[in-house]
Structure formats: structure tokens, C-alpha cells
Amino acid sequence: MKMRVFLMVGIIAILISTATAIPGIATFYTQYVPSACYGNQSQGVMVAAASDTFWNGGAACGKYYNVRCTRDHNVTVKIVDHCPDCSSTIDLSREAFAKIAKPMAGIVIDIDYHQ
């Protein structure tokens, strides 16, 4: 019985997560500079910069987002910076971008994302 409840909760969470995904565009960057959220403190390589779309005056700092390019390719990234001049929704580190698309294929891909 407990296993059924656990499975049902998991299925509902997946459905809600999929239903709240927002379409966007991802790019990647290769130059690592002090971040708007953490300065020179390393936050690893699975990180991203938020565009004005969801920066919200810095409220996005430290939040995690699941970014998906295709059904089988997604990555969870931590927002560590602001990208006010980005034409994309989210600017991923090259390492995070490589988890969902081949960087050689181009620097702009269609994605969906959710927190």
C-alpha cells in the first residue's frame, strides 16, 4: 500500500512538473567571470546566468532549474549570474549545455525549463 502511494505521488509530481515547463532558448558561455550572485566563489560547472526573463532583481540567485532540450536530455543548473544583454532565456555554462546538446551544433537551442 505504501509503495502505491509513493508511486502515485511520484507520477503526480512528474505531471505537474511537465505541465509547468516554460518554453525558452538556451545559449552557452565560455568565459567565466565573477558572478553577480557569488563573486569569485566557485559554484561548480553546472551553472547558468538568468536573463531578465526571470532574474527578478536577483531573486533567481541560487535557485535550481531543470533545463530540457529533448525528452531524453536535461540538466539541472544553479543560477549564479545575471545576463542582462542575453538574447536567450538562460545562458548555460558550456559543460551544462553539453549535457543537453552538442556545442558544435550551435550555441542556440530551443528548450523548456522549470524550477
Protein backbone atom coordinates (compact mmCIF):
# COMPACT_ATOMS: atom_id res chain seq x y z
CA MET A 1 0.00 0.00 0.00
CA LYS A 2 2.78 2.46 0.93
CA MET A 3 4.53 1.67 -2.37
CA ARG A 4 1.37 2.53 -4.35
CA VAL A 5 1.02 5.86 -2.55
CA PHE A 6 4.69 6.63 -3.22
CA LEU A 7 4.30 5.79 -6.91
CA MET A 8 1.15 7.91 -7.22
CA VAL A 9 2.86 10.89 -5.59
CA GLY A 10 5.80 10.46 -7.98
CA ILE A 11 3.54 10.30 -11.04
CA ILE A 12 1.61 13.39 -9.95
CA ALA A 13 4.86 15.30 -9.35
CA ILE A 14 6.07 14.42 -12.85
CA LEU A 15 2.80 15.51 -14.41
CA ILE A 16 2.83 18.82 -12.56
CA SER A 17 6.49 19.36 -13.44
CA THR A 18 5.84 18.71 -17.13
CA ALA A 19 2.74 20.88 -17.14
CA THR A 20 4.61 23.86 -15.69
CA ALA A 21 7.58 23.74 -18.08
CA ILE A 22 8.13 27.05 -19.85
CA PRO A 23 9.49 27.26 -23.41
CA GLY A 24 12.65 29.27 -23.96
CA ILE A 25 16.02 29.49 -25.67
CA ALA A 26 19.39 28.46 -24.25
CA THR A 27 22.87 29.61 -25.18
CA PHE A 28 26.20 28.84 -23.59
CA TYR A 29 29.18 30.85 -22.45
CA THR A 30 32.84 30.00 -22.23
CA GLN A 31 34.29 32.95 -20.32
CA TYR A 32 33.96 32.58 -16.57
CA VAL A 33 33.97 35.89 -14.71
CA PRO A 34 32.94 36.83 -11.17
CA SER A 35 29.22 36.14 -10.87
CA ALA A 36 26.52 38.58 -9.81
CA CYS A 37 25.41 36.14 -7.10
CA TYR A 38 28.64 34.71 -5.69
CA GLY A 39 31.57 36.81 -6.93
CA ASN A 40 34.67 34.62 -7.37
CA GLN A 41 33.36 31.80 -5.19
CA SER A 42 33.13 28.60 -7.26
CA GLN A 43 29.68 27.07 -7.63
CA GLY A 44 30.81 24.17 -9.85
CA VAL A 45 30.22 23.85 -13.59
CA MET A 46 26.50 23.01 -13.78
CA VAL A 47 25.58 26.67 -13.56
CA ALA A 48 23.79 29.32 -15.59
CA ALA A 49 23.10 33.00 -15.92
CA ALA A 50 19.50 34.20 -15.85
CA SER A 51 18.19 36.64 -18.43
CA ASP A 52 15.90 39.46 -17.43
CA THR A 53 13.03 37.00 -18.08
CA PHE A 54 13.40 35.52 -14.61
CA TRP A 55 16.24 37.40 -12.89
CA ASN A 56 13.70 39.34 -10.79
CA GLY A 57 16.16 41.72 -9.14
CA GLY A 58 18.46 38.88 -8.07
CA ALA A 59 15.74 36.66 -6.62
CA ALA A 60 16.84 33.92 -9.04
CA CYS A 61 20.28 33.64 -7.37
CA GLY A 62 20.89 30.17 -6.02
CA LYS A 63 17.72 28.67 -7.47
CA TYR A 64 17.91 25.44 -9.42
CA TYR A 65 16.27 24.95 -12.81
CA ASN A 66 15.80 21.81 -14.84
CA VAL A 67 16.53 22.62 -18.48
CA ARG A 68 15.41 20.18 -21.17
CA CYS A 69 16.30 20.16 -24.84
CA THR A 70 14.68 16.88 -25.77
CA ARG A 71 12.78 14.26 -23.84
CA ASP A 72 15.96 12.34 -23.04
CA HIS A 73 18.36 15.22 -22.47
CA ASN A 74 18.04 17.50 -19.47
CA VAL A 75 20.29 19.12 -16.92
CA THR A 76 19.76 20.80 -13.57
CA VAL A 77 21.64 24.07 -13.18
CA LYS A 78 22.10 26.60 -10.41
CA ILE A 79 21.59 30.27 -11.25
CA VAL A 80 24.80 32.08 -10.32
CA ASP A 81 24.75 35.14 -12.55
CA HIS A 82 22.68 37.71 -14.42
CA CYS A 83 22.85 38.08 -18.19
CA PRO A 84 21.03 41.36 -18.90
CA ASP A 85 22.08 41.52 -22.55
CA CYS A 86 21.31 37.89 -23.40
CA SER A 87 19.00 37.21 -26.30
CA SER A 88 18.31 33.80 -24.76
CA THR A 89 16.22 32.87 -21.74
CA ILE A 90 19.08 31.15 -19.95
CA ASP A 91 22.82 31.23 -20.59
CA LEU A 92 24.30 27.88 -19.58
CA SER A 93 27.89 27.03 -18.79
CA ARG A 94 29.47 25.13 -21.70
CA GLU A 95 29.52 22.00 -19.53
CA ALA A 96 25.80 22.21 -18.74
CA PHE A 97 24.94 22.94 -22.39
CA ALA A 98 26.94 19.86 -23.46
CA LYS A 99 24.66 17.68 -21.30
CA ILE A 100 21.63 18.56 -23.45
CA ALA A 101 23.09 19.42 -26.88
CA LYS A 102 26.32 19.31 -28.82
CA PRO A 103 28.07 22.68 -28.52
CA MET A 104 29.43 22.23 -32.05
CA ALA A 105 25.87 22.08 -33.39
CA GLY A 106 25.37 25.73 -32.50
CA ILE A 107 25.12 27.95 -29.49
CA VAL A 108 21.35 28.48 -29.53
CA ILE A 109 18.81 25.74 -28.85
CA ASP A 110 15.11 25.59 -28.05
CA ILE A 111 14.41 24.36 -24.53
CA ASP A 112 11.82 24.18 -21.86
CA TYR A 113 12.64 24.77 -18.23
CA HIS A 114 11.13 24.83 -14.77
CA GLN A 115 12.29 25.48 -11.25
